[in-house]
């Protein structure tokens, strides 16, 4: 039997180098595995048993959840519990592939979670959101470009934040580096290109980031801050929330919600799920399939209209 610390180290190196997972994913795997090994007093691959897994699941289920707005949730969320179990299952698959004796990966079942409901904004609400920024101000021009770019490309928040102002706007697409350092092509609409051009024309700084803080746009050629005045992810979340409220949208609107709207819009207009998966940069098509149930209402209408016709 192999020593668990050495196996964990080799596994983490494997998922970083061979699998190409991001450093954040690698750190999460390390945290979840270490938590289980310490709880179960695991020193060897053979120490991982059904009983140890069951005890660990009970332990997780009885943990308090995280604080949200000062309120402590009663128990750890099922999704969070599953993150621990997924990390362990991936680790056991790695051991099995290497021929190292341990518990079979399929012995670990994930906790059942409620199907995630997507708070998708309607086309009318989307138009109000995109029209909300004041185009007579530099901030409004910036924020209009952010909103148009989110809906046009389906970019993740982190991907949009990392953009620089050297995009070739003569093209209809550009490459972006996403999760796991994987590069994919995203497509940009004429509306988004126009909004970006107007915003960049209003800029008075020489900073590299595509989207900069308002204070950076007041002085020409400053360019001397540690991050070049780049907008943070939290700042962009606040910007999206601000315009949702201004547009009179009662739903919770987030950058990720705009990504949902991008995917739903494509599927609703006939795009196939494989193409949407590629545009979103999902490694697993099962992740993309969550968006398909959003269009079920349309399918029900079609069924009702045509299925019993003539009867």
C-alpha atoms as a PDB file:
ATOM      1  CA  UNK A   1       0.000   0.000   0.000  1.00  0.00           C
ATOM      2  CA  UNK A   2       1.252   3.449  -0.882  1.00  0.00           C
ATOM      3  CA  UNK A   3       1.655   6.279   1.599  1.00  0.00           C
ATOM      4  CA  UNK A   4      -1.181   8.787   1.278  1.00  0.00           C
ATOM      5  CA  UNK A   5       0.843  12.037   1.452  1.00  0.00           C
ATOM      6  CA  UNK A   6       3.049  10.982  -1.432  1.00  0.00           C
ATOM      7  CA  UNK A   7       0.047   9.860  -3.477  1.00  0.00           C
ATOM      8  CA  UNK A   8      -1.739  13.130  -2.819  1.00  0.00           C
ATOM      9  CA  UNK A   9       1.298  15.117  -3.977  1.00  0.00           C
ATOM     10  CA  UNK A  10       1.639  13.019  -7.147  1.00  0.00           C
ATOM     11  CA  UNK A  11      -2.112  13.363  -7.810  1.00  0.00           C
ATOM     12  CA  UNK A  12      -2.009  17.159  -7.477  1.00  0.00           C
ATOM     13  CA  UNK A  13       0.954  17.318  -9.852  1.00  0.00           C
ATOM     14  CA  UNK A  14      -0.995  15.108 -12.283  1.00  0.00           C
ATOM     15  CA  UNK A  15      -4.126  17.288 -12.341  1.00  0.00           C
ATOM     16  CA  UNK A  16      -2.029  20.445 -12.733  1.00  0.00           C
ATOM     17  CA  UNK A  17       0.345  19.209 -15.447  1.00  0.00           C
ATOM     18  CA  UNK A  18      -1.326  16.342 -17.321  1.00  0.00           C
ATOM     19  CA  UNK A  19      -4.945  17.420 -16.849  1.00  0.00           C
ATOM     20  CA  UNK A  20      -4.223  21.144 -17.172  1.00  0.00           C
ATOM     21  CA  UNK A  21      -6.462  22.174 -14.261  1.00  0.00           C
ATOM     22  CA  UNK A  22      -6.152  25.717 -12.917  1.00  0.00           C
ATOM     23  CA  UNK A  23      -4.129  26.407  -9.770  1.00  0.00           C
ATOM     24  CA  UNK A  24      -7.380  27.303  -8.015  1.00  0.00           C
ATOM     25  CA  UNK A  25      -8.799  23.849  -8.814  1.00  0.00           C
ATOM     26  CA  UNK A  26      -5.586  22.184  -7.651  1.00  0.00           C
ATOM     27  CA  UNK A  27      -5.695  24.110  -4.352  1.00  0.00           C
ATOM     28  CA  UNK A  28      -9.336  23.125  -3.864  1.00  0.00           C
ATOM     29  CA  UNK A  29      -8.518  19.453  -4.457  1.00  0.00           C
ATOM     30  CA  UNK A  30      -5.721  19.686  -1.920  1.00  0.00           C
ATOM     31  CA  UNK A  31      -7.997  21.299   0.674  1.00  0.00           C
ATOM     32  CA  UNK A  32     -10.835  18.770   0.263  1.00  0.00           C
ATOM     33  CA  UNK A  33      -8.540  15.732   0.256  1.00  0.00           C
ATOM     34  CA  UNK A  34      -6.530  16.930   3.249  1.00  0.00           C
ATOM     35  CA  UNK A  35      -9.737  17.501   5.170  1.00  0.00           C
ATOM     36  CA  UNK A  36     -10.868  13.925   4.526  1.00  0.00           C
ATOM     37  CA  UNK A  37      -7.467  12.375   5.255  1.00  0.00           C
ATOM     38  CA  UNK A  38      -7.187  14.222   8.566  1.00  0.00           C
ATOM     39  CA  UNK A  39     -10.771  13.396   9.557  1.00  0.00           C
ATOM     40  CA  UNK A  40     -10.433   9.688   8.729  1.00  0.00           C
ATOM     41  CA  UNK A  41      -6.828   9.415   9.959  1.00  0.00           C
ATOM     42  CA  UNK A  42      -5.912   8.086   6.509  1.00  0.00           C
ATOM     43  CA  UNK A  43      -2.257   7.144   6.145  1.00  0.00           C
ATOM     44  CA  UNK A  44      -2.513   4.610   3.341  1.00  0.00           C
ATOM     45  CA  UNK A  45      -4.634   4.149   0.212  1.00  0.00           C
ATOM     46  CA  UNK A  46      -6.115   1.003   1.739  1.00  0.00           C
ATOM     47  CA  UNK A  47      -7.485   3.014   4.675  1.00  0.00           C
ATOM     48  CA  UNK A  48     -10.159   4.575   2.446  1.00  0.00           C
ATOM     49  CA  UNK A  49     -13.246   2.434   3.096  1.00  0.00           C
ATOM     50  CA  UNK A  50     -17.022   2.648   2.766  1.00  0.00           C
ATOM     51  CA  UNK A  51     -17.291   3.197   6.517  1.00  0.00           C
ATOM     52  CA  UNK A  52     -14.811   6.083   6.458  1.00  0.00           C
ATOM     53  CA  UNK A  53     -16.697   7.712   3.581  1.00  0.00           C
ATOM     54  CA  UNK A  54     -20.039   7.354   5.367  1.00  0.00           C
ATOM     55  CA  UNK A  55     -18.620   8.859   8.584  1.00  0.00           C
ATOM     56  CA  UNK A  56     -17.123  11.749   6.615  1.00  0.00           C
ATOM     57  CA  UNK A  57     -20.435  12.439   4.876  1.00  0.00           C
ATOM     58  CA  UNK A  58     -22.190  12.563   8.241  1.00  0.00           C
ATOM     59  CA  UNK A  59     -19.488  14.927   9.494  1.00  0.00           C
ATOM     60  CA  UNK A  60     -19.950  17.261   6.499  1.00  0.00           C
ATOM     61  CA  UNK A  61     -23.734  17.175   6.765  1.00  0.00           C
ATOM     62  CA  UNK A  62     -23.557  18.301  10.386  1.00  0.00           C
ATOM     63  CA  UNK A  63     -21.233  21.228   9.717  1.00  0.00           C
ATOM     64  CA  UNK A  64     -22.568  24.769   9.857  1.00  0.00           C
ATOM     65  CA  UNK A  65     -22.829  26.600   6.584  1.00  0.00           C
ATOM     66  CA  UNK A  66     -21.100  29.843   5.697  1.00  0.00           C
ATOM     67  CA  UNK A  67     -22.287  33.236   6.873  1.00  0.00           C
ATOM     68  CA  UNK A  68     -24.227  35.265   4.311  1.00  0.00           C
ATOM     69  CA  UNK A  69     -25.075  38.862   5.246  1.00  0.00           C
ATOM     70  CA  UNK A  70     -24.331  38.077   8.882  1.00  0.00           C
ATOM     71  CA  UNK A  71     -26.658  35.056   8.948  1.00  0.00           C
ATOM     72  CA  UNK A  72     -25.187  31.608   9.586  1.00  0.00           C
ATOM     73  CA  UNK A  73     -26.869  28.850   7.561  1.00  0.00           C
ATOM     74  CA  UNK A  74     -27.849  25.811   9.597  1.00  0.00           C
ATOM     75  CA  UNK A  75     -25.906  23.221   7.616  1.00  0.00           C
ATOM     76  CA  UNK A  76     -23.291  23.011   4.904  1.00  0.00           C
ATOM     77  CA  UNK A  77     -24.858  23.236   1.440  1.00  0.00           C
ATOM     78  CA  UNK A  78     -25.202  19.977  -0.481  1.00  0.00           C
ATOM     79  CA  UNK A  79     -23.166  21.435  -3.331  1.00  0.00           C
ATOM     80  CA  UNK A  80     -20.283  22.180  -0.956  1.00  0.00           C
ATOM     81  CA  UNK A  81     -20.486  18.673   0.471  1.00  0.00           C
ATOM     82  CA  UNK A  82     -20.324  17.328  -3.058  1.00  0.00           C
ATOM     83  CA  UNK A  83     -17.149  19.305  -3.814  1.00  0.00           C
ATOM     84  CA  UNK A  84     -15.396  17.235  -1.112  1.00  0.00           C
ATOM     85  CA  UNK A  85     -16.763  13.980  -2.537  1.00  0.00           C
ATOM     86  CA  UNK A  86     -15.947  14.876  -6.147  1.00  0.00           C
ATOM     87  CA  UNK A  87     -12.328  15.599  -5.201  1.00  0.00           C
ATOM     88  CA  UNK A  88     -12.111  12.226  -3.461  1.00  0.00           C
ATOM     89  CA  UNK A  89     -13.708  10.425  -6.408  1.00  0.00           C
ATOM     90  CA  UNK A  90     -11.256  12.010  -8.875  1.00  0.00           C
ATOM     91  CA  UNK A  91      -8.400  10.982  -6.569  1.00  0.00           C
ATOM     92  CA  UNK A  92      -9.649   7.377  -6.431  1.00  0.00           C
ATOM     93  CA  UNK A  93      -9.978   7.273 -10.236  1.00  0.00           C
ATOM     94  CA  UNK A  94      -6.346   8.358 -10.415  1.00  0.00           C
ATOM     95  CA  UNK A  95      -5.319   5.558  -8.045  1.00  0.00           C
ATOM     96  CA  UNK A  96      -7.301   2.998 -10.046  1.00  0.00           C
ATOM     97  CA  UNK A  97      -5.664   4.140 -13.281  1.00  0.00           C
ATOM     98  CA  UNK A  98      -2.265   3.574 -11.660  1.00  0.00           C
ATOM     99  CA  UNK A  99      -3.283   0.137 -10.387  1.00  0.00           C
ATOM    100  CA  UNK A 100      -3.054   1.169  -6.719  1.00  0.00           C
ATOM    101  CA  UNK A 101      -5.406  -0.721  -4.401  1.00  0.00           C
ATOM    102  CA  UNK A 102      -8.078   1.428  -2.791  1.00  0.00           C
ATOM    103  CA  UNK A 103     -11.837   1.965  -2.719  1.00  0.00           C
ATOM    104  CA  UNK A 104     -13.551   1.917  -6.131  1.00  0.00           C
ATOM    105  CA  UNK A 105     -14.507   5.459  -7.256  1.00  0.00           C
ATOM    106  CA  UNK A 106     -18.090   4.444  -8.052  1.00  0.00           C
ATOM    107  CA  UNK A 107     -18.625   3.609  -4.377  1.00  0.00           C
ATOM    108  CA  UNK A 108     -18.895   7.341  -3.721  1.00  0.00           C
ATOM    109  CA  UNK A 109     -22.350   8.729  -4.414  1.00  0.00           C
ATOM    110  CA  UNK A 110     -22.971  12.448  -4.428  1.00  0.00           C
ATOM    111  CA  UNK A 111     -25.595  14.110  -2.274  1.00  0.00           C
ATOM    112  CA  UNK A 112     -28.818  14.858  -4.119  1.00  0.00           C
ATOM    113  CA  UNK A 113     -29.293  18.543  -4.795  1.00  0.00           C
ATOM    114  CA  UNK A 114     -32.294  20.444  -6.051  1.00  0.00           C
ATOM    115  CA  UNK A 115     -32.141  21.313  -9.713  1.00  0.00           C
ATOM    116  CA  UNK A 116     -30.722  24.772 -10.049  1.00  0.00           C
ATOM    117  CA  UNK A 117     -33.254  27.330 -11.238  1.00  0.00           C
ATOM    118  CA  UNK A 118     -31.950  30.004 -13.559  1.00  0.00           C
ATOM    119  CA  UNK A 119     -33.290  33.519 -13.095  1.00  0.00           C
ATOM    120  CA  UNK A 120     -33.165  34.447 -16.770  1.00  0.00           C
ATOM    121  CA  UNK A 121     -34.145  37.963 -17.713  1.00  0.00           C
ATOM    122  CA  UNK A 122     -36.644  38.416 -20.552  1.00  0.00           C
ATOM    123  CA  UNK A 123     -35.731  40.039 -23.902  1.00  0.00           C
ATOM    124  CA  UNK A 124     -37.643  43.163 -22.809  1.00  0.00           C
ATOM    125  CA  UNK A 125     -35.730  43.323 -19.521  1.00  0.00           C
ATOM    126  CA  UNK A 126     -32.450  42.760 -21.366  1.00  0.00           C
ATOM    127  CA  UNK A 127     -33.159  45.705 -23.672  1.00  0.00           C
ATOM    128  CA  UNK A 128     -33.922  47.938 -20.681  1.00  0.00           C
ATOM    129  CA  UNK A 129     -30.674  46.826 -19.042  1.00  0.00           C
ATOM    130  CA  UNK A 130     -28.555  47.511 -22.137  1.00  0.00           C
ATOM    131  CA  UNK A 131     -30.203  50.925 -22.578  1.00  0.00           C
ATOM    132  CA  UNK A 132     -29.735  51.940 -18.915  1.00  0.00           C
ATOM    133  CA  UNK A 133     -26.207  53.515 -19.032  1.00  0.00           C
ATOM    134  CA  UNK A 134     -25.944  57.258 -19.727  1.00  0.00           C
ATOM    135  CA  UNK A 135     -23.979  57.511 -22.973  1.00  0.00           C
ATOM    136  CA  UNK A 136     -23.186  61.177 -22.352  1.00  0.00           C
ATOM    137  CA  UNK A 137     -20.626  60.250 -19.680  1.00  0.00           C
ATOM    138  CA  UNK A 138     -17.355  58.256 -19.843  1.00  0.00           C
ATOM    139  CA  UNK A 139     -18.612  55.953 -17.076  1.00  0.00           C
ATOM    140  CA  UNK A 140     -21.828  55.319 -18.962  1.00  0.00           C
ATOM    141  CA  UNK A 141     -19.896  54.517 -22.140  1.00  0.00           C
ATOM    142  CA  UNK A 142     -17.682  52.100 -20.202  1.00  0.00           C
ATOM    143  CA  UNK A 143     -20.620  50.376 -18.562  1.00  0.00           C
ATOM    144  CA  UNK A 144     -22.548  50.119 -21.839  1.00  0.00           C
ATOM    145  CA  UNK A 145     -19.523  48.354 -23.351  1.00  0.00           C
ATOM    146  CA  UNK A 146     -19.343  45.954 -20.397  1.00  0.00           C
ATOM    147  CA  UNK A 147     -23.016  45.000 -20.638  1.00  0.00           C
ATOM    148  CA  UNK A 148     -22.984  44.603 -24.426  1.00  0.00           C
ATOM    149  CA  UNK A 149     -19.816  42.505 -24.269  1.00  0.00           C
ATOM    150  CA  UNK A 150     -21.244  40.166 -21.631  1.00  0.00           C
ATOM    151  CA  UNK A 151     -24.366  39.434 -23.668  1.00  0.00           C
ATOM    152  CA  UNK A 152     -22.578  39.313 -27.021  1.00  0.00           C
ATOM    153  CA  UNK A 153     -19.841  36.857 -26.008  1.00  0.00           C
ATOM    154  CA  UNK A 154     -21.004  34.869 -22.977  1.00  0.00           C
ATOM    155  CA  UNK A 155     -17.687  35.642 -21.287  1.00  0.00           C
ATOM    156  CA  UNK A 156     -17.082  34.642 -17.687  1.00  0.00           C
ATOM    157  CA  UNK A 157     -16.594  37.534 -15.274  1.00  0.00           C
ATOM    158  CA  UNK A 158     -12.909  36.686 -14.791  1.00  0.00           C
ATOM    159  CA  UNK A 159     -12.395  36.550 -18.566  1.00  0.00           C
ATOM    160  CA  UNK A 160     -13.954  39.958 -19.149  1.00  0.00           C
ATOM    161  CA  UNK A 161     -11.909  41.485 -16.315  1.00  0.00           C
ATOM    162  CA  UNK A 162      -8.666  40.227 -17.830  1.00  0.00           C
ATOM    163  CA  UNK A 163      -9.234  41.779 -21.276  1.00  0.00           C
ATOM    164  CA  UNK A 164      -6.858  44.447 -22.515  1.00  0.00           C
ATOM    165  CA  UNK A 165      -7.587  47.323 -24.899  1.00  0.00           C
ATOM    166  CA  UNK A 166      -5.771  45.724 -27.842  1.00  0.00           C
ATOM    167  CA  UNK A 167      -8.773  43.803 -29.212  1.00  0.00           C
ATOM    168  CA  UNK A 168      -8.905  43.806 -33.010  1.00  0.00           C
ATOM    169  CA  UNK A 169     -12.385  45.234 -33.544  1.00  0.00           C
ATOM    170  CA  UNK A 170     -12.122  44.769 -37.309  1.00  0.00           C
ATOM    171  CA  UNK A 171     -12.724  41.061 -36.646  1.00  0.00           C
ATOM    172  CA  UNK A 172     -15.912  39.369 -35.461  1.00  0.00           C
ATOM    173  CA  UNK A 173     -14.124  37.126 -32.986  1.00  0.00           C
ATOM    174  CA  UNK A 174     -11.209  37.009 -30.585  1.00  0.00           C
ATOM    175  CA  UNK A 175      -9.444  34.443 -28.410  1.00  0.00           C
ATOM    176  CA  UNK A 176      -9.789  34.343 -24.650  1.00  0.00           C
ATOM    177  CA  UNK A 177      -8.002  32.261 -22.032  1.00  0.00           C
ATOM    178  CA  UNK A 178     -10.552  30.697 -19.697  1.00  0.00           C
ATOM    179  CA  UNK A 179     -10.728  28.054 -16.973  1.00  0.00           C
ATOM    180  CA  UNK A 180      -7.784  25.699 -16.807  1.00  0.00           C
ATOM    181  CA  UNK A 181      -5.807  28.077 -19.054  1.00  0.00           C
ATOM    182  CA  UNK A 182      -7.807  26.763 -22.022  1.00  0.00           C
ATOM    183  CA  UNK A 183      -8.068  29.097 -25.014  1.00  0.00           C
ATOM    184  CA  UNK A 184     -11.325  29.409 -26.963  1.00  0.00           C
ATOM    185  CA  UNK A 185     -12.753  31.716 -29.617  1.00  0.00           C
ATOM    186  CA  UNK A 186     -15.659  33.995 -28.724  1.00  0.00           C
ATOM    187  CA  UNK A 187     -17.745  36.035 -31.138  1.00  0.00           C
ATOM    188  CA  UNK A 188     -18.576  39.702 -30.774  1.00  0.00           C
ATOM    189  CA  UNK A 189     -21.627  41.512 -32.143  1.00  0.00           C
ATOM    190  CA  UNK A 190     -21.606  44.784 -34.069  1.00  0.00           C
ATOM    191  CA  UNK A 191     -23.417  46.428 -31.129  1.00  0.00           C
ATOM    192  CA  UNK A 192     -20.691  45.365 -28.713  1.00  0.00           C
ATOM    193  CA  UNK A 193     -17.923  46.512 -31.068  1.00  0.00           C
ATOM    194  CA  UNK A 194     -19.583  49.901 -31.465  1.00  0.00           C
ATOM    195  CA  UNK A 195     -19.940  50.285 -27.686  1.00  0.00           C
ATOM    196  CA  UNK A 196     -16.271  49.393 -27.117  1.00  0.00           C
ATOM    197  CA  UNK A 197     -15.092  51.830 -29.798  1.00  0.00           C
ATOM    198  CA  UNK A 198     -17.122  54.683 -28.281  1.00  0.00           C
ATOM    199  CA  UNK A 199     -15.791  53.875 -24.814  1.00  0.00           C
ATOM    200  CA  UNK A 200     -12.144  53.652 -25.890  1.00  0.00           C
ATOM    201  CA  UNK A 201     -12.524  56.939 -27.800  1.00  0.00           C
ATOM    202  CA  UNK A 202     -13.565  58.607 -24.521  1.00  0.00           C
ATOM    203  CA  UNK A 203     -10.563  57.286 -22.587  1.00  0.00           C
ATOM    204  CA  UNK A 204      -7.854  59.795 -21.628  1.00  0.00           C
ATOM    205  CA  UNK A 205      -5.403  57.339 -20.079  1.00  0.00           C
ATOM    206  CA  UNK A 206      -2.730  55.074 -21.551  1.00  0.00           C
ATOM    207  CA  UNK A 207      -3.462  52.079 -19.337  1.00  0.00           C
ATOM    208  CA  UNK A 208      -3.477  48.567 -20.749  1.00  0.00           C
ATOM    209  CA  UNK A 209      -6.719  47.122 -19.297  1.00  0.00           C
ATOM    210  CA  UNK A 210      -9.865  47.249 -21.393  1.00  0.00           C
ATOM    211  CA  UNK A 211     -12.018  48.376 -18.465  1.00  0.00           C
ATOM    212  CA  UNK A 212     -10.552  50.806 -15.943  1.00  0.00           C
ATOM    213  CA  UNK A 213     -11.736  52.552 -12.815  1.00  0.00           C
ATOM    214  CA  UNK A 214     -13.440  55.902 -13.305  1.00  0.00           C
ATOM    215  CA  UNK A 215     -10.657  57.757 -11.451  1.00  0.00           C
ATOM    216  CA  UNK A 216      -8.099  56.412 -13.936  1.00  0.00           C
ATOM    217  CA  UNK A 217      -9.906  58.085 -16.804  1.00  0.00           C
ATOM    218  CA  UNK A 218      -9.452  61.604 -15.398  1.00  0.00           C
ATOM    219  CA  UNK A 219      -5.751  61.949 -16.076  1.00  0.00           C
ATOM    220  CA  UNK A 220      -4.050  61.289 -19.360  1.00  0.00           C
ATOM    221  CA  UNK A 221      -1.160  58.866 -19.423  1.00  0.00           C
ATOM    222  CA  UNK A 222      -1.010  58.096 -15.709  1.00  0.00           C
ATOM    223  CA  UNK A 223      -0.558  54.350 -16.144  1.00  0.00           C
ATOM    224  CA  UNK A 224       1.403  53.950 -12.936  1.00  0.00           C
ATOM    225  CA  UNK A 225      -0.866  51.978 -10.603  1.00  0.00           C
ATOM    226  CA  UNK A 226      -0.080  48.397  -9.663  1.00  0.00           C
ATOM    227  CA  UNK A 227      -2.902  46.978 -11.826  1.00  0.00           C
ATOM    228  CA  UNK A 228      -3.262  49.840 -14.298  1.00  0.00           C
ATOM    229  CA  UNK A 229      -6.603  50.791 -12.772  1.00  0.00           C
ATOM    230  CA  UNK A 230      -8.211  47.565 -13.969  1.00  0.00           C
ATOM    231  CA  UNK A 231     -11.775  47.082 -12.749  1.00  0.00           C
ATOM    232  CA  UNK A 232     -12.083  44.259 -10.229  1.00  0.00           C
ATOM    233  CA  UNK A 233     -14.606  41.452 -10.505  1.00  0.00           C
ATOM    234  CA  UNK A 234     -16.457  42.851  -7.494  1.00  0.00           C
ATOM    235  CA  UNK A 235     -16.682  46.280  -9.157  1.00  0.00           C
ATOM    236  CA  UNK A 236     -18.200  44.805 -12.301  1.00  0.00           C
ATOM    237  CA  UNK A 237     -20.709  42.827 -10.234  1.00  0.00           C
ATOM    238  CA  UNK A 238     -21.779  46.107  -8.611  1.00  0.00           C
ATOM    239  CA  UNK A 239     -22.046  47.798 -12.025  1.00  0.00           C
ATOM    240  CA  UNK A 240     -24.368  45.092 -13.366  1.00  0.00           C
ATOM    241  CA  UNK A 241     -26.498  45.208 -10.211  1.00  0.00           C
ATOM    242  CA  UNK A 242     -26.715  49.015 -10.400  1.00  0.00           C
ATOM    243  CA  UNK A 243     -28.092  49.009 -13.943  1.00  0.00           C
ATOM    244  CA  UNK A 244     -30.506  46.167 -13.217  1.00  0.00           C
ATOM    245  CA  UNK A 245     -32.036  48.277 -10.458  1.00  0.00           C
ATOM    246  CA  UNK A 246     -32.017  51.367 -12.690  1.00  0.00           C
ATOM    247  CA  UNK A 247     -33.791  49.362 -15.411  1.00  0.00           C
ATOM    248  CA  UNK A 248     -36.490  48.334 -12.940  1.00  0.00           C
ATOM    249  CA  UNK A 249     -35.630  44.621 -13.042  1.00  0.00           C
ATOM    250  CA  UNK A 250     -36.710  42.921  -9.833  1.00  0.00           C
ATOM    251  CA  UNK A 251     -34.788  39.689 -10.508  1.00  0.00           C
ATOM    252  CA  UNK A 252     -31.245  39.224  -9.274  1.00  0.00           C
ATOM    253  CA  UNK A 253     -29.033  40.125 -12.243  1.00  0.00           C
ATOM    254  CA  UNK A 254     -25.349  39.173 -12.182  1.00  0.00           C
ATOM    255  CA  UNK A 255     -22.547  38.814 -14.748  1.00  0.00           C
ATOM    256  CA  UNK A 256     -23.098  35.054 -14.598  1.00  0.00           C
ATOM    257  CA  UNK A 257     -26.799  35.667 -15.174  1.00  0.00           C
ATOM    258  CA  UNK A 258     -25.935  37.501 -18.395  1.00  0.00           C
ATOM    259  CA  UNK A 259     -23.918  34.444 -19.406  1.00  0.00           C
ATOM    260  CA  UNK A 260     -27.062  32.395 -18.746  1.00  0.00           C
ATOM    261  CA  UNK A 261     -29.042  34.789 -20.947  1.00  0.00           C
ATOM    262  CA  UNK A 262     -26.448  34.443 -23.714  1.00  0.00           C
ATOM    263  CA  UNK A 263     -26.753  30.636 -23.668  1.00  0.00           C
ATOM    264  CA  UNK A 264     -30.531  30.646 -23.424  1.00  0.00           C
ATOM    265  CA  UNK A 265     -30.830  33.116 -26.306  1.00  0.00           C
ATOM    266  CA  UNK A 266     -28.726  30.849 -28.526  1.00  0.00           C
ATOM    267  CA  UNK A 267     -30.687  27.702 -27.643  1.00  0.00           C
ATOM    268  CA  UNK A 268     -34.040  29.458 -28.002  1.00  0.00           C
ATOM    269  CA  UNK A 269     -33.084  30.543 -31.511  1.00  0.00           C
ATOM    270  CA  UNK A 270     -32.124  27.058 -32.656  1.00  0.00           C
ATOM    271  CA  UNK A 271     -28.427  26.695 -31.810  1.00  0.00           C
ATOM    272  CA  UNK A 272     -27.361  23.127 -31.072  1.00  0.00           C
ATOM    273  CA  UNK A 273     -26.122  22.365 -27.580  1.00  0.00           C
ATOM    274  CA  UNK A 274     -22.657  21.249 -28.729  1.00  0.00           C
ATOM    275  CA  UNK A 275     -22.021  24.656 -30.335  1.00  0.00           C
ATOM    276  CA  UNK A 276     -23.235  26.452 -27.201  1.00  0.00           C
ATOM    277  CA  UNK A 277     -20.942  24.264 -25.097  1.00  0.00           C
ATOM    278  CA  UNK A 278     -17.950  25.352 -27.189  1.00  0.00           C
ATOM    279  CA  UNK A 279     -18.887  29.039 -27.035  1.00  0.00           C
ATOM    280  CA  UNK A 280     -19.286  28.901 -23.251  1.00  0.00           C
ATOM    281  CA  UNK A 281     -16.042  26.971 -22.794  1.00  0.00           C
ATOM    282  CA  UNK A 282     -17.655  24.129 -20.828  1.00  0.00           C
ATOM    283  CA  UNK A 283     -15.429  21.053 -20.535  1.00  0.00           C
ATOM    284  CA  UNK A 284     -18.467  18.827 -19.947  1.00  0.00           C
ATOM    285  CA  UNK A 285     -21.659  19.072 -22.001  1.00  0.00           C
ATOM    286  CA  UNK A 286     -23.656  18.170 -18.873  1.00  0.00           C
ATOM    287  CA  UNK A 287     -22.839  21.651 -17.562  1.00  0.00           C
ATOM    288  CA  UNK A 288     -24.395  23.181 -20.673  1.00  0.00           C
ATOM    289  CA  UNK A 289     -27.512  21.025 -20.438  1.00  0.00           C
ATOM    290  CA  UNK A 290     -28.769  23.000 -17.430  1.00  0.00           C
ATOM    291  CA  UNK A 291     -29.788  25.696 -19.919  1.00  0.00           C
ATOM    292  CA  UNK A 292     -31.935  23.376 -22.010  1.00  0.00           C
ATOM    293  CA  UNK A 293     -34.764  23.187 -19.456  1.00  0.00           C
ATOM    294  CA  UNK A 294     -35.198  26.946 -19.769  1.00  0.00           C
ATOM    295  CA  UNK A 295     -36.547  26.422 -23.279  1.00  0.00           C
ATOM    296  CA  UNK A 296     -38.942  23.683 -22.141  1.00  0.00           C
ATOM    297  CA  UNK A 297     -41.784  26.216 -21.990  1.00  0.00           C
ATOM    298  CA  UNK A 298     -41.373  26.817 -25.714  1.00  0.00           C
ATOM    299  CA  UNK A 299     -41.399  23.074 -26.361  1.00  0.00           C
ATOM    300  CA  UNK A 300     -44.588  22.710 -24.330  1.00  0.00           C
ATOM    301  CA  UNK A 301     -46.233  25.396 -26.471  1.00  0.00           C
ATOM    302  CA  UNK A 302     -45.187  23.578 -29.646  1.00  0.00           C
ATOM    303  CA  UNK A 303     -46.477  20.271 -28.280  1.00  0.00           C
ATOM    304  CA  UNK A 304     -49.809  21.796 -27.291  1.00  0.00           C
ATOM    305  CA  UNK A 305     -50.198  23.521 -30.656  1.00  0.00           C
ATOM    306  CA  UNK A 306     -49.291  20.669 -32.976  1.00  0.00           C
ATOM    307  CA  UNK A 307     -49.437  17.290 -31.233  1.00  0.00           C
ATOM    308  CA  UNK A 308     -53.230  16.878 -31.068  1.00  0.00           C
ATOM    309  CA  UNK A 309     -53.982  18.828 -34.220  1.00  0.00           C
ATOM    310  CA  UNK A 310     -56.902  17.428 -36.144  1.00  0.00           C
ATOM    311  CA  UNK A 311     -58.158  15.243 -33.270  1.00  0.00           C
END
